[in-house]
Every structure is written in C-alpha cells, then in structure tokens.
C-alpha cells in the first residue's frame, strides 16, 4: 500500500479488525476515533505512561517466524516496558512498518496475534 488513500483504507480496516466482537466487553472507548498517526484517549487522574517499542524485521523476527507469534511479541515487548515502569496497560500503541508486497494474509495473522495477546 502506498499513498494517503491506502493509509486511510488500512486505518479503517484496523478499526474494524480490532473492534470488540458482539457480546464481548470493549473496554474504554477513545475520545476520537482512529486518526492520522495519533489517538485521543481519556486520561485518568495521575500519570500516564506511553510506550511504542517497535519489533523490526531482521532484528526481532525473521520471515520464517509465524506472524501470529510476531504479533504477540509486539504486545509483549511493550507490556514488559510498561511493567518495568510499574504501569498497568489500558491502551496499545502500534507502529506497523511492513515491506511493500507483504501478503494481506500474513499481515492479518500478525494482527490476530496482536489482538489475542492484547486481550
């Protein structure tokens, strides 16, 4: 995917992909829907810890690794960072950079791993 139109299509797809299934609690809602590389979320009284630790192809995983396990690693690396700060997770920041031509099925399997680990 390339260009602003494809980014908007991917963002819309991510919103649908990560929506809570019917009958399942969804947790807190963002104040503004998914947007352009940013999110607006409610801030409880006190401090908020934010992190977005990337998982990089060729560094943290290889093409031979199962995409669902890579997705799990994306979540667990960030949960580890939050735990090190004594923070409890409410939200997930995800920065996804994939090579051009990454198969939609591979990407969806990775996102499925992210969703399962985040729940």
PDB file of N, CA and C in Angstrom:
ATOM      1  N   UNK A   1       0.838  -1.177   0.000  1.00  0.00           N
ATOM      2  CA  UNK A   1       0.000   0.000   0.000  1.00  0.00           C
ATOM      3  C   UNK A   1       0.876   1.229   0.000  1.00  0.00           C
ATOM      4  N   UNK A   2       0.451   2.224  -0.718  1.00  0.00           N
ATOM      5  CA  UNK A   2       1.190   3.477  -0.696  1.00  0.00           C
ATOM      6  C   UNK A   2       0.210   4.616  -0.893  1.00  0.00           C
ATOM      7  N   UNK A   3       0.576   5.793  -0.417  1.00  0.00           N
ATOM      8  CA  UNK A   3      -0.252   6.964  -0.572  1.00  0.00           C
ATOM      9  C   UNK A   3      -1.246   7.139   0.558  1.00  0.00           C
ATOM     10  N   UNK A   4      -1.802   8.375   0.609  1.00  0.00           N
ATOM     11  CA  UNK A   4      -2.728   8.721   1.688  1.00  0.00           C
ATOM     12  C   UNK A   4      -4.004   7.901   1.631  1.00  0.00           C
ATOM     13  N   UNK A   5      -4.531   7.638   0.431  1.00  0.00           N
ATOM     14  CA  UNK A   5      -5.765   6.861   0.309  1.00  0.00           C
ATOM     15  C   UNK A   5      -5.613   5.459   0.857  1.00  0.00           C
ATOM     16  N   UNK A   6      -4.479   4.826   0.569  1.00  0.00           N
ATOM     17  CA  UNK A   6      -4.261   3.471   1.065  1.00  0.00           C
ATOM     18  C   UNK A   6      -4.045   3.476   2.575  1.00  0.00           C
ATOM     19  N   UNK A   7      -3.443   4.537   3.109  1.00  0.00           N
ATOM     20  CA  UNK A   7      -3.273   4.637   4.562  1.00  0.00           C
ATOM     21  C   UNK A   7      -4.636   4.749   5.241  1.00  0.00           C
ATOM     22  N   UNK A   8      -5.540   5.542   4.665  1.00  0.00           N
ATOM     23  CA  UNK A   8      -6.890   5.671   5.233  1.00  0.00           C
ATOM     24  C   UNK A   8      -7.638   4.343   5.163  1.00  0.00           C
ATOM     25  N   UNK A   9      -7.467   3.608   4.065  1.00  0.00           N
ATOM     26  CA  UNK A   9      -8.112   2.287   3.951  1.00  0.00           C
ATOM     27  C   UNK A   9      -7.563   1.339   5.004  1.00  0.00           C
ATOM     28  N   UNK A  10      -6.246   1.355   5.224  1.00  0.00           N
ATOM     29  CA  UNK A  10      -5.650   0.487   6.243  1.00  0.00           C
ATOM     30  C   UNK A  10      -6.128   0.888   7.638  1.00  0.00           C
ATOM     31  N   UNK A  11      -6.191   2.179   7.927  1.00  0.00           N
ATOM     32  CA  UNK A  11      -6.661   2.643   9.228  1.00  0.00           C
ATOM     33  C   UNK A  11      -8.101   2.199   9.455  1.00  0.00           C
ATOM     34  N   UNK A  12      -8.953   2.321   8.442  1.00  0.00           N
ATOM     35  CA  UNK A  12     -10.348   1.877   8.564  1.00  0.00           C
ATOM     36  C   UNK A  12     -10.405   0.368   8.793  1.00  0.00           C
ATOM     37  N   UNK A  13      -9.549  -0.369   8.094  1.00  0.00           N
ATOM     38  CA  UNK A  13      -9.519  -1.825   8.274  1.00  0.00           C
ATOM     39  C   UNK A  13      -9.062  -2.195   9.684  1.00  0.00           C
ATOM     40  N   UNK A  14      -8.069  -1.485  10.203  1.00  0.00           N
ATOM     41  CA  UNK A  14      -7.598  -1.738  11.565  1.00  0.00           C
ATOM     42  C   UNK A  14      -8.712  -1.475  12.583  1.00  0.00           C
ATOM     43  N   UNK A  15      -9.474  -0.399  12.376  1.00  0.00           N
ATOM     44  CA  UNK A  15     -10.577  -0.095  13.297  1.00  0.00           C
ATOM     45  C   UNK A  15     -11.589  -1.237  13.312  1.00  0.00           C
ATOM     46  N   UNK A  16     -11.901  -1.777  12.136  1.00  0.00           N
ATOM     47  CA  UNK A  16     -12.839  -2.912  12.076  1.00  0.00           C
ATOM     48  C   UNK A  16     -12.208  -4.157  12.679  1.00  0.00           C
ATOM     49  N   UNK A  17     -10.949  -4.400  12.378  1.00  0.00           N
ATOM     50  CA  UNK A  17     -10.262  -5.612  12.829  1.00  0.00           C
ATOM     51  C   UNK A  17     -10.201  -5.678  14.348  1.00  0.00           C
ATOM     52  N   UNK A  18      -9.919  -4.556  14.996  1.00  0.00           N
ATOM     53  CA  UNK A  18      -9.737  -4.539  16.440  1.00  0.00           C
ATOM     54  C   UNK A  18     -11.006  -4.171  17.212  1.00  0.00           C
ATOM     55  N   UNK A  19     -12.121  -3.997  16.522  1.00  0.00           N
ATOM     56  CA  UNK A  19     -13.386  -3.747  17.214  1.00  0.00           C
ATOM     57  C   UNK A  19     -13.744  -4.974  18.061  1.00  0.00           C
ATOM     58  N   UNK A  20     -14.328  -4.741  19.219  1.00  0.00           N
ATOM     59  CA  UNK A  20     -14.719  -5.853  20.094  1.00  0.00           C
ATOM     60  C   UNK A  20     -15.825  -6.662  19.417  1.00  0.00           C
ATOM     61  N   UNK A  21     -15.718  -7.988  19.446  1.00  0.00           N
ATOM     62  CA  UNK A  21     -16.785  -8.816  18.886  1.00  0.00           C
ATOM     63  C   UNK A  21     -18.103  -8.574  19.622  1.00  0.00           C
ATOM     64  N   UNK A  22     -19.205  -8.799  18.934  1.00  0.00           N
ATOM     65  CA  UNK A  22     -20.525  -8.618  19.528  1.00  0.00           C
ATOM     66  C   UNK A  22     -20.621  -9.461  20.798  1.00  0.00           C
ATOM     67  N   UNK A  23     -21.092  -8.848  21.865  1.00  0.00           N
ATOM     68  CA  UNK A  23     -21.261  -9.554  23.127  1.00  0.00           C
ATOM     69  C   UNK A  23     -20.025  -9.569  24.008  1.00  0.00           C
ATOM     70  N   UNK A  24     -18.902  -9.057  23.517  1.00  0.00           N
ATOM     71  CA  UNK A  24     -17.671  -9.034  24.309  1.00  0.00           C
ATOM     72  C   UNK A  24     -17.421  -7.613  24.786  1.00  0.00           C
ATOM     73  N   UNK A  25     -17.023  -7.433  26.064  1.00  0.00           N
ATOM     74  CA  UNK A  25     -16.761  -6.066  26.536  1.00  0.00           C
ATOM     75  C   UNK A  25     -15.635  -5.436  25.730  1.00  0.00           C
ATOM     76  N   UNK A  26     -15.788  -4.152  25.461  1.00  0.00           N
ATOM     77  CA  UNK A  26     -14.820  -3.474  24.611  1.00  0.00           C
ATOM     78  C   UNK A  26     -13.798  -2.654  25.376  1.00  0.00           C
ATOM     79  N   UNK A  27     -13.981  -2.443  26.668  1.00  0.00           N
ATOM     80  CA  UNK A  27     -13.056  -1.599  27.407  1.00  0.00           C
ATOM     81  C   UNK A  27     -13.359  -0.140  27.146  1.00  0.00           C
ATOM     82  N   UNK A  28     -12.485   0.748  27.602  1.00  0.00           N
ATOM     83  CA  UNK A  28     -12.752   2.177  27.425  1.00  0.00           C
ATOM     84  C   UNK A  28     -12.698   2.550  25.944  1.00  0.00           C
ATOM     85  N   UNK A  29     -13.484   3.538  25.580  1.00  0.00           N
ATOM     86  CA  UNK A  29     -13.507   3.998  24.194  1.00  0.00           C
ATOM     87  C   UNK A  29     -12.612   5.214  24.048  1.00  0.00           C
ATOM     88  N   UNK A  30     -11.969   5.343  22.898  1.00  0.00           N
ATOM     89  CA  UNK A  30     -11.191   6.562  22.660  1.00  0.00           C
ATOM     90  C   UNK A  30     -12.129   7.757  22.548  1.00  0.00           C
ATOM     91  N   UNK A  31     -11.608   8.941  22.826  1.00  0.00           N
ATOM     92  CA  UNK A  31     -12.417  10.155  22.711  1.00  0.00           C
ATOM     93  C   UNK A  31     -12.637  10.536  21.251  1.00  0.00           C
ATOM     94  N   UNK A  32     -11.706  10.145  20.395  1.00  0.00           N
ATOM     95  CA  UNK A  32     -11.786  10.402  18.962  1.00  0.00           C
ATOM     96  C   UNK A  32     -11.418   9.094  18.281  1.00  0.00           C
ATOM     97  N   UNK A  33     -12.130   8.750  17.212  1.00  0.00           N
ATOM     98  CA  UNK A  33     -11.824   7.512  16.507  1.00  0.00           C
ATOM     99  C   UNK A  33     -10.400   7.527  15.964  1.00  0.00           C
ATOM    100  N   UNK A  34      -9.941   6.330  15.555  1.00  0.00           N
ATOM    101  CA  UNK A  34      -8.606   6.217  14.955  1.00  0.00           C
ATOM    102  C   UNK A  34      -8.385   7.342  13.968  1.00  0.00           C
ATOM    103  N   UNK A  35      -7.207   7.935  14.046  1.00  0.00           N
ATOM    104  CA  UNK A  35      -6.943   9.078  13.184  1.00  0.00           C
ATOM    105  C   UNK A  35      -5.622   8.963  12.468  1.00  0.00           C
ATOM    106  N   UNK A  36      -5.066  10.087  12.136  1.00  0.00           N
ATOM    107  CA  UNK A  36      -3.851  10.162  11.351  1.00  0.00           C
ATOM    108  C   UNK A  36      -2.638  10.086  12.265  1.00  0.00           C
ATOM    109  N   UNK A  37      -2.163   8.864  12.531  1.00  0.00           N
ATOM    110  CA  UNK A  37      -0.960   8.638  13.326  1.00  0.00           C
ATOM    111  C   UNK A  37      -1.064   9.163  14.752  1.00  0.00           C
ATOM    112  N   UNK A  38      -2.277   9.226  15.292  1.00  0.00           N
ATOM    113  CA  UNK A  38      -2.452   9.721  16.646  1.00  0.00           C
ATOM    114  C   UNK A  38      -3.737   9.158  17.232  1.00  0.00           C
ATOM    115  N   UNK A  39      -3.854   9.234  18.553  1.00  0.00           N
ATOM    116  CA  UNK A  39      -5.065   8.810  19.240  1.00  0.00           C
ATOM    117  C   UNK A  39      -5.343   9.785  20.373  1.00  0.00           C
ATOM    118  N   UNK A  40      -6.609   9.966  20.679  1.00  0.00           N
ATOM    119  CA  UNK A  40      -7.021  10.776  21.812  1.00  0.00           C
ATOM    120  C   UNK A  40      -7.750   9.832  22.755  1.00  0.00           C
ATOM    121  N   UNK A  41      -7.208   9.665  23.963  1.00  0.00           N
ATOM    122  CA  UNK A  41      -7.777   8.732  24.932  1.00  0.00           C
ATOM    123  C   UNK A  41      -8.017   9.460  26.247  1.00  0.00           C
ATOM    124  N   UNK A  42      -8.974   8.972  27.035  1.00  0.00           N
ATOM    125  CA  UNK A  42      -9.207   9.622  28.330  1.00  0.00           C
ATOM    126  C   UNK A  42      -8.005   9.436  29.247  1.00  0.00           C
ATOM    127  N   UNK A  43      -7.727  10.420  30.041  1.00  0.00           N
ATOM    128  CA  UNK A  43      -6.604  10.359  30.984  1.00  0.00           C
ATOM    129  C   UNK A  43      -7.151  10.357  32.405  1.00  0.00           C
ATOM    130  N   UNK A  44      -6.918   9.260  33.104  1.00  0.00           N
ATOM    131  CA  UNK A  44      -7.377   9.219  34.494  1.00  0.00           C
ATOM    132  C   UNK A  44      -6.540  10.164  35.350  1.00  0.00           C
ATOM    133  N   UNK A  45      -7.007  10.465  36.534  1.00  0.00           N
ATOM    134  CA  UNK A  45      -6.164  11.277  37.420  1.00  0.00           C
ATOM    135  C   UNK A  45      -4.821  10.573  37.642  1.00  0.00           C
ATOM    136  N   UNK A  46      -3.773  11.321  37.632  1.00  0.00           N
ATOM    137  CA  UNK A  46      -2.437  10.769  37.829  1.00  0.00           C
ATOM    138  C   UNK A  46      -1.651  10.757  36.537  1.00  0.00           C
ATOM    139  N   UNK A  47      -0.573  10.040  36.551  1.00  0.00           N
ATOM    140  CA  UNK A  47       0.341   9.997  35.406  1.00  0.00           C
ATOM    141  C   UNK A  47      -0.079   8.931  34.397  1.00  0.00           C
ATOM    142  N   UNK A  48       0.303   9.126  33.166  1.00  0.00           N
ATOM    143  CA  UNK A  48       0.071   8.168  32.093  1.00  0.00           C
ATOM    144  C   UNK A  48       1.438   7.799  31.523  1.00  0.00           C
ATOM    145  N   UNK A  49       1.689   6.507  31.352  1.00  0.00           N
ATOM    146  CA  UNK A  49       2.924   6.031  30.740  1.00  0.00           C
ATOM    147  C   UNK A  49       2.583   5.566  29.328  1.00  0.00           C
ATOM    148  N   UNK A  50       3.276   6.091  28.337  1.00  0.00           N
ATOM    149  CA  UNK A  50       3.069   5.708  26.945  1.00  0.00           C
ATOM    150  C   UNK A  50       4.345   5.078  26.416  1.00  0.00           C
ATOM    151  N   UNK A  51       4.202   4.014  25.653  1.00  0.00           N
ATOM    152  CA  UNK A  51       5.378   3.430  25.010  1.00  0.00           C
ATOM    153  C   UNK A  51       4.961   2.824  23.673  1.00  0.00           C
ATOM    154  N   UNK A  52       5.894   2.760  22.772  1.00  0.00           N
ATOM    155  CA  UNK A  52       5.675   2.138  21.471  1.00  0.00           C
ATOM    156  C   UNK A  52       7.022   1.591  21.021  1.00  0.00           C
ATOM    157  N   UNK A  53       7.339   0.387  21.487  1.00  0.00           N
ATOM    158  CA  UNK A  53       8.614  -0.254  21.209  1.00  0.00           C
ATOM    159  C   UNK A  53       8.457  -1.109  19.954  1.00  0.00           C
ATOM    160  N   UNK A  54       9.082  -0.736  18.854  1.00  0.00           N
ATOM    161  CA  UNK A  54       8.861  -1.470  17.604  1.00  0.00           C
ATOM    162  C   UNK A  54       9.503  -2.855  17.606  1.00  0.00           C
ATOM    163  N   UNK A  55       8.956  -3.710  16.783  1.00  0.00           N
ATOM    164  CA  UNK A  55       9.522  -5.028  16.504  1.00  0.00           C
ATOM    165  C   UNK A  55       9.901  -4.989  15.027  1.00  0.00           C
ATOM    166  N   UNK A  56      11.184  -5.126  14.750  1.00  0.00           N
ATOM    167  CA  UNK A  56      11.722  -4.868  13.418  1.00  0.00           C
ATOM    168  C   UNK A  56      12.111  -6.172  12.724  1.00  0.00           C
ATOM    169  N   UNK A  57      11.656  -6.308  11.482  1.00  0.00           N
ATOM    170  CA  UNK A  57      12.010  -7.473  10.671  1.00  0.00           C
ATOM    171  C   UNK A  57      13.527  -7.540  10.516  1.00  0.00           C
ATOM    172  N   UNK A  58      14.070  -8.738  10.658  1.00  0.00           N
ATOM    173  CA  UNK A  58      15.506  -8.930  10.523  1.00  0.00           C
ATOM    174  C   UNK A  58      16.282  -8.657  11.791  1.00  0.00           C
ATOM    175  N   UNK A  59      15.639  -8.006  12.754  1.00  0.00           N
ATOM    176  CA  UNK A  59      16.269  -7.738  14.038  1.00  0.00           C
ATOM    177  C   UNK A  59      15.589  -8.554  15.134  1.00  0.00           C
ATOM    178  N   UNK A  60      14.263  -8.438  15.217  1.00  0.00           N
ATOM    179  CA  UNK A  60      13.494  -9.113  16.256  1.00  0.00           C
ATOM    180  C   UNK A  60      12.751 -10.347  15.748  1.00  0.00           C
ATOM    181  N   UNK A  61      12.623 -10.496  14.439  1.00  0.00           N
ATOM    182  CA  UNK A  61      11.985 -11.674  13.858  1.00  0.00           C
ATOM    183  C   UNK A  61      12.462 -11.848  12.428  1.00  0.00           C
ATOM    184  N   UNK A  62      12.267 -13.049  11.922  1.00  0.00           N
ATOM    185  CA  UNK A  62      12.631 -13.344  10.531  1.00  0.00           C
ATOM    186  C   UNK A  62      11.377 -13.707   9.750  1.00  0.00           C
ATOM    187  N   UNK A  63      11.504 -13.772   8.452  1.00  0.00           N
ATOM    188  CA  UNK A  63      10.381 -14.145   7.591  1.00  0.00           C
ATOM    189  C   UNK A  63       9.884 -15.553   7.901  1.00  0.00           C
ATOM    190  N   UNK A  64      10.722 -16.377   8.497  1.00  0.00           N
ATOM    191  CA  UNK A  64      10.328 -17.752   8.818  1.00  0.00           C
ATOM    192  C   UNK A  64       9.478 -17.836  10.083  1.00  0.00           C
ATOM    193  N   UNK A  65       9.445 -16.777  10.894  1.00  0.00           N
ATOM    194  CA  UNK A  65       8.668 -16.792  12.128  1.00  0.00           C
ATOM    195  C   UNK A  65       7.177 -16.695  11.822  1.00  0.00           C
ATOM    196  N   UNK A  66       6.377 -17.381  12.613  1.00  0.00           N
ATOM    197  CA  UNK A  66       4.924 -17.343  12.442  1.00  0.00           C
ATOM    198  C   UNK A  66       4.424 -15.920  12.709  1.00  0.00           C
ATOM    199  N   UNK A  67       3.611 -15.356  11.816  1.00  0.00           N
ATOM    200  CA  UNK A  67       3.170 -13.972  12.003  1.00  0.00           C
ATOM    201  C   UNK A  67       2.382 -13.761  13.291  1.00  0.00           C
ATOM    202  N   UNK A  68       1.592 -14.735  13.731  1.00  0.00           N
ATOM    203  CA  UNK A  68       0.840 -14.574  14.986  1.00  0.00           C
ATOM    204  C   UNK A  68       1.790 -14.448  16.169  1.00  0.00           C
ATOM    205  N   UNK A  69       2.915 -15.157  16.125  1.00  0.00           N
ATOM    206  CA  UNK A  69       3.912 -15.044  17.206  1.00  0.00           C
ATOM    207  C   UNK A  69       4.614 -13.696  17.163  1.00  0.00           C
ATOM    208  N   UNK A  70       4.826 -13.179  15.956  1.00  0.00           N
ATOM    209  CA  UNK A  70       5.413 -11.837  15.829  1.00  0.00           C
ATOM    210  C   UNK A  70       4.453 -10.816  16.435  1.00  0.00           C
ATOM    211  N   UNK A  71       3.156 -10.958  16.154  1.00  0.00           N
ATOM    212  CA  UNK A  71       2.157 -10.063  16.734  1.00  0.00           C
ATOM    213  C   UNK A  71       2.154 -10.121  18.250  1.00  0.00           C
ATOM    214  N   UNK A  72       2.279 -11.329  18.786  1.00  0.00           N
ATOM    215  CA  UNK A  72       2.344 -11.489  20.242  1.00  0.00           C
ATOM    216  C   UNK A  72       3.577 -10.785  20.803  1.00  0.00           C
ATOM    217  N   UNK A  73       4.688 -10.893  20.079  1.00  0.00           N
ATOM    218  CA  UNK A  73       5.922 -10.247  20.527  1.00  0.00           C
ATOM    219  C   UNK A  73       5.759  -8.723  20.548  1.00  0.00           C
ATOM    220  N   UNK A  74       5.043  -8.181  19.566  1.00  0.00           N
ATOM    221  CA  UNK A  74       4.792  -6.735  19.527  1.00  0.00           C
ATOM    222  C   UNK A  74       4.139  -6.288  20.838  1.00  0.00           C
ATOM    223  N   UNK A  75       3.135  -7.023  21.278  1.00  0.00           N
ATOM    224  CA  UNK A  75       2.426  -6.671  22.512  1.00  0.00           C
ATOM    225  C   UNK A  75       3.311  -6.916  23.724  1.00  0.00           C
ATOM    226  N   UNK A  76       3.932  -8.066  23.796  1.00  0.00           N
ATOM    227  CA  UNK A  76       4.693  -8.434  24.994  1.00  0.00           C
ATOM    228  C   UNK A  76       5.904  -7.539  25.231  1.00  0.00           C
ATOM    229  N   UNK A  77       6.563  -7.091  24.181  1.00  0.00           N
ATOM    230  CA  UNK A  77       7.692  -6.165  24.370  1.00  0.00           C
ATOM    231  C   UNK A  77       7.214  -4.881  25.040  1.00  0.00           C
ATOM    232  N   UNK A  78       6.059  -4.392  24.614  1.00  0.00           N
ATOM    233  CA  UNK A  78       5.527  -3.155  25.181  1.00  0.00           C
ATOM    234  C   UNK A  78       4.982  -3.380  26.589  1.00  0.00           C
ATOM    235  N   UNK A  79       4.344  -4.520  26.827  1.00  0.00           N
ATOM    236  CA  UNK A  79       3.883  -4.826  28.185  1.00  0.00           C
ATOM    237  C   UNK A  79       5.063  -4.904  29.144  1.00  0.00           C
ATOM    238  N   UNK A  80       6.159  -5.471  28.689  1.00  0.00           N
ATOM    239  CA  UNK A  80       7.362  -5.560  29.512  1.00  0.00           C
ATOM    240  C   UNK A  80       7.880  -4.166  29.874  1.00  0.00           C
ATOM    241  N   UNK A  81       7.872  -3.265  28.894  1.00  0.00           N
ATOM    242  CA  UNK A  81       8.321  -1.890  29.155  1.00  0.00           C
ATOM    243  C   UNK A  81       7.408  -1.209  30.173  1.00  0.00           C
ATOM    244  N   UNK A  82       6.098  -1.422  30.038  1.00  0.00           N
ATOM    245  CA  UNK A  82       5.159  -0.822  30.988  1.00  0.00           C
ATOM    246  C   UNK A  82       5.362  -1.396  32.388  1.00  0.00           C
ATOM    247  N   UNK A  83       5.538  -2.716  32.470  1.00  0.00           N
ATOM    248  CA  UNK A  83       5.760  -3.355  33.768  1.00  0.00           C
ATOM    249  C   UNK A  83       7.030  -2.817  34.429  1.00  0.00           C
ATOM    250  N   UNK A  84       8.074  -2.574  33.638  1.00  0.00           N
ATOM    251  CA  UNK A  84       9.328  -2.043  34.173  1.00  0.00           C
ATOM    252  C   UNK A  84       9.126  -0.654  34.778  1.00  0.00           C
ATOM    253  N   UNK A  85       8.104   0.059  34.291  1.00  0.00           N
ATOM    254  CA  UNK A  85       7.794   1.393  34.809  1.00  0.00           C
ATOM    255  C   UNK A  85       6.739   1.342  35.909  1.00  0.00           C
ATOM    256  N   UNK A  86       6.266   0.137  36.249  1.00  0.00           N
ATOM    257  CA  UNK A  86       5.236  -0.001  37.271  1.00  0.00           C
ATOM    258  C   UNK A  86       3.868   0.436  36.795  1.00  0.00           C
ATOM    259  N   UNK A  87       3.648   0.387  35.479  1.00  0.00           N
ATOM    260  CA  UNK A  87       2.391   0.866  34.896  1.00  0.00           C
ATOM    261  C   UNK A  87       1.476  -0.298  34.523  1.00  0.00           C
ATOM    262  N   UNK A  88       0.190  -0.035  34.547  1.00  0.00           N
ATOM    263  CA  UNK A  88      -0.813  -1.009  34.104  1.00  0.00           C
ATOM    264  C   UNK A  88      -1.318  -0.590  32.729  1.00  0.00           C
ATOM    265  N   UNK A  89      -1.484  -1.548  31.808  1.00  0.00           N
ATOM    266  CA  UNK A  89      -1.893  -1.179  30.441  1.00  0.00           C
ATOM    267  C   UNK A  89      -3.392  -0.889  30.338  1.00  0.00           C
ATOM    268  N   UNK A  90      -3.726   0.156  29.615  1.00  0.00           N
ATOM    269  CA  UNK A  90      -5.101   0.473  29.240  1.00  0.00           C
ATOM    270  C   UNK A  90      -5.253   0.491  27.728  1.00  0.00           C
ATOM    271  N   UNK A  91      -4.203   0.896  27.042  1.00  0.00           N
ATOM    272  CA  UNK A  91      -4.232   1.107  25.603  1.00  0.00           C
ATOM    273  C   UNK A  91      -3.014   0.456  24.974  1.00  0.00           C
ATOM    274  N   UNK A  92      -3.067   0.282  23.671  1.00  0.00           N
ATOM    275  CA  UNK A  92      -1.945  -0.267  22.921  1.00  0.00           C
ATOM    276  C   UNK A  92      -1.603   0.677  21.781  1.00  0.00           C
ATOM    277  N   UNK A  93      -0.350   1.111  21.745  1.00  0.00           N
ATOM    278  CA  UNK A  93       0.151   1.875  20.605  1.00  0.00           C
ATOM    279  C   UNK A  93       0.874   0.891  19.705  1.00  0.00           C
ATOM    280  N   UNK A  94       0.570   0.939  18.435  1.00  0.00           N
ATOM    281  CA  UNK A  94       1.164   0.006  17.484  1.00  0.00           C
ATOM    282  C   UNK A  94       1.706   0.778  16.303  1.00  0.00           C
ATOM    283  N   UNK A  95       2.980   0.586  16.024  1.00  0.00           N
ATOM    284  CA  UNK A  95       3.600   1.164  14.843  1.00  0.00           C
ATOM    285  C   UNK A  95       3.964   0.001  13.932  1.00  0.00           C
ATOM    286  N   UNK A  96       3.300  -0.079  12.794  1.00  0.00           N
ATOM    287  CA  UNK A  96       3.456  -1.213  11.897  1.00  0.00           C
ATOM    288  C   UNK A  96       4.100  -0.761  10.594  1.00  0.00           C
ATOM    289  N   UNK A  97       5.305  -1.251  10.336  1.00  0.00           N
ATOM    290  CA  UNK A  97       6.021  -0.951   9.100  1.00  0.00           C
ATOM    291  C   UNK A  97       6.356  -2.283   8.450  1.00  0.00           C
ATOM    292  N   UNK A  98       5.734  -2.553   7.321  1.00  0.00           N
ATOM    293  CA  UNK A  98       5.934  -3.817   6.619  1.00  0.00           C
ATOM    294  C   UNK A  98       6.486  -3.545   5.228  1.00  0.00           C
ATOM    295  N   UNK A  99       7.281  -4.473   4.717  1.00  0.00           N
ATOM    296  CA  UNK A  99       7.802  -4.285   3.365  1.00  0.00           C
ATOM    297  C   UNK A  99       6.674  -4.248   2.336  1.00  0.00           C
ATOM    298  N   UNK A 100       6.861  -3.474   1.292  1.00  0.00           N
ATOM    299  CA  UNK A 100       5.906  -3.431   0.193  1.00  0.00           C
ATOM    300  C   UNK A 100       5.695  -4.857  -0.310  1.00  0.00           C
ATOM    301  N   UNK A 101       4.462  -5.197  -0.576  1.00  0.00           N
ATOM    302  CA  UNK A 101       4.169  -6.526  -1.088  1.00  0.00           C
ATOM    303  C   UNK A 101       3.899  -7.564  -0.010  1.00  0.00           C
ATOM    304  N   UNK A 102       3.902  -7.149   1.276  1.00  0.00           N
ATOM    305  CA  UNK A 102       3.569  -8.101   2.345  1.00  0.00           C
ATOM    306  C   UNK A 102       2.154  -8.605   2.096  1.00  0.00           C
ATOM    307  N   UNK A 103       1.992  -9.902   2.115  1.00  0.00           N
ATOM    308  CA  UNK A 103       0.684 -10.501   1.837  1.00  0.00           C
ATOM    309  C   UNK A 103      -0.326 -10.096   2.903  1.00  0.00           C
ATOM    310  N   UNK A 104      -1.555  -9.813   2.471  1.00  0.00           N
ATOM    311  CA  UNK A 104      -2.618  -9.424   3.400  1.00  0.00           C
ATOM    312  C   UNK A 104      -2.851 -10.517   4.436  1.00  0.00           C
ATOM    313  N   UNK A 105      -2.769 -11.776   4.050  1.00  0.00           N
ATOM    314  CA  UNK A 105      -2.965 -12.876   4.988  1.00  0.00           C
ATOM    315  C   UNK A 105      -1.906 -12.889   6.079  1.00  0.00           C
ATOM    316  N   UNK A 106      -0.658 -12.595   5.714  1.00  0.00           N
ATOM    317  CA  UNK A 106       0.431 -12.550   6.701  1.00  0.00           C
ATOM    318  C   UNK A 106       0.175 -11.409   7.669  1.00  0.00           C
ATOM    319  N   UNK A 107      -0.174 -10.241   7.116  1.00  0.00           N
ATOM    320  CA  UNK A 107      -0.446  -9.068   7.954  1.00  0.00           C
ATOM    321  C   UNK A 107      -1.614  -9.344   8.899  1.00  0.00           C
ATOM    322  N   UNK A 108      -2.688  -9.943   8.385  1.00  0.00           N
ATOM    323  CA  UNK A 108      -3.855 -10.235   9.222  1.00  0.00           C
ATOM    324  C   UNK A 108      -3.520 -11.247  10.318  1.00  0.00           C
ATOM    325  N   UNK A 109      -2.666 -12.225  10.006  1.00  0.00           N
ATOM    326  CA  UNK A 109      -2.246 -13.195  11.029  1.00  0.00           C
ATOM    327  C   UNK A 109      -1.423 -12.501  12.109  1.00  0.00           C
ATOM    328  N   UNK A 110      -0.558 -11.565  11.729  1.00  0.00           N
ATOM    329  CA  UNK A 110       0.209 -10.787  12.700  1.00  0.00           C
ATOM    330  C   UNK A 110      -0.742  -9.984  13.587  1.00  0.00           C
ATOM    331  N   UNK A 111      -1.711  -9.307  12.977  1.00  0.00           N
ATOM    332  CA  UNK A 111      -2.663  -8.511  13.750  1.00  0.00           C
ATOM    333  C   UNK A 111      -3.524  -9.394  14.647  1.00  0.00           C
ATOM    334  N   UNK A 112      -3.833 -10.613  14.195  1.00  0.00           N
ATOM    335  CA  UNK A 112      -4.552 -11.557  15.045  1.00  0.00           C
ATOM    336  C   UNK A 112      -3.748 -11.903  16.285  1.00  0.00           C
ATOM    337  N   UNK A 113      -2.438 -12.074  16.124  1.00  0.00           N
ATOM    338  CA  UNK A 113      -1.559 -12.317  17.268  1.00  0.00           C
ATOM    339  C   UNK A 113      -1.537 -11.131  18.215  1.00  0.00           C
ATOM    340  N   UNK A 114      -1.534  -9.932  17.655  1.00  0.00           N
ATOM    341  CA  UNK A 114      -1.582  -8.712  18.478  1.00  0.00           C
ATOM    342  C   UNK A 114      -2.889  -8.697  19.275  1.00  0.00           C
ATOM    343  N   UNK A 115      -3.997  -8.954  18.586  1.00  0.00           N
ATOM    344  CA  UNK A 115      -5.309  -8.912  19.252  1.00  0.00           C
ATOM    345  C   UNK A 115      -5.394  -9.931  20.378  1.00  0.00           C
ATOM    346  N   UNK A 116      -4.957 -11.161  20.112  1.00  0.00           N
ATOM    347  CA  UNK A 116      -5.009 -12.213  21.150  1.00  0.00           C
ATOM    348  C   UNK A 116      -4.137 -11.854  22.345  1.00  0.00           C
ATOM    349  N   UNK A 117      -2.939 -11.365  22.096  1.00  0.00           N
ATOM    350  CA  UNK A 117      -2.033 -11.020  23.195  1.00  0.00           C
ATOM    351  C   UNK A 117      -2.560  -9.822  23.991  1.00  0.00           C
ATOM    352  N   UNK A 118      -3.165  -8.862  23.306  1.00  0.00           N
ATOM    353  CA  UNK A 118      -3.679  -7.669  23.983  1.00  0.00           C
ATOM    354  C   UNK A 118      -4.870  -8.014  24.873  1.00  0.00           C
ATOM    355  N   UNK A 119      -5.654  -8.981  24.445  1.00  0.00           N
ATOM    356  CA  UNK A 119      -6.809  -9.369  25.281  1.00  0.00           C
ATOM    357  C   UNK A 119      -6.336 -10.084  26.511  1.00  0.00           C
TER     358      UNK A 119
END
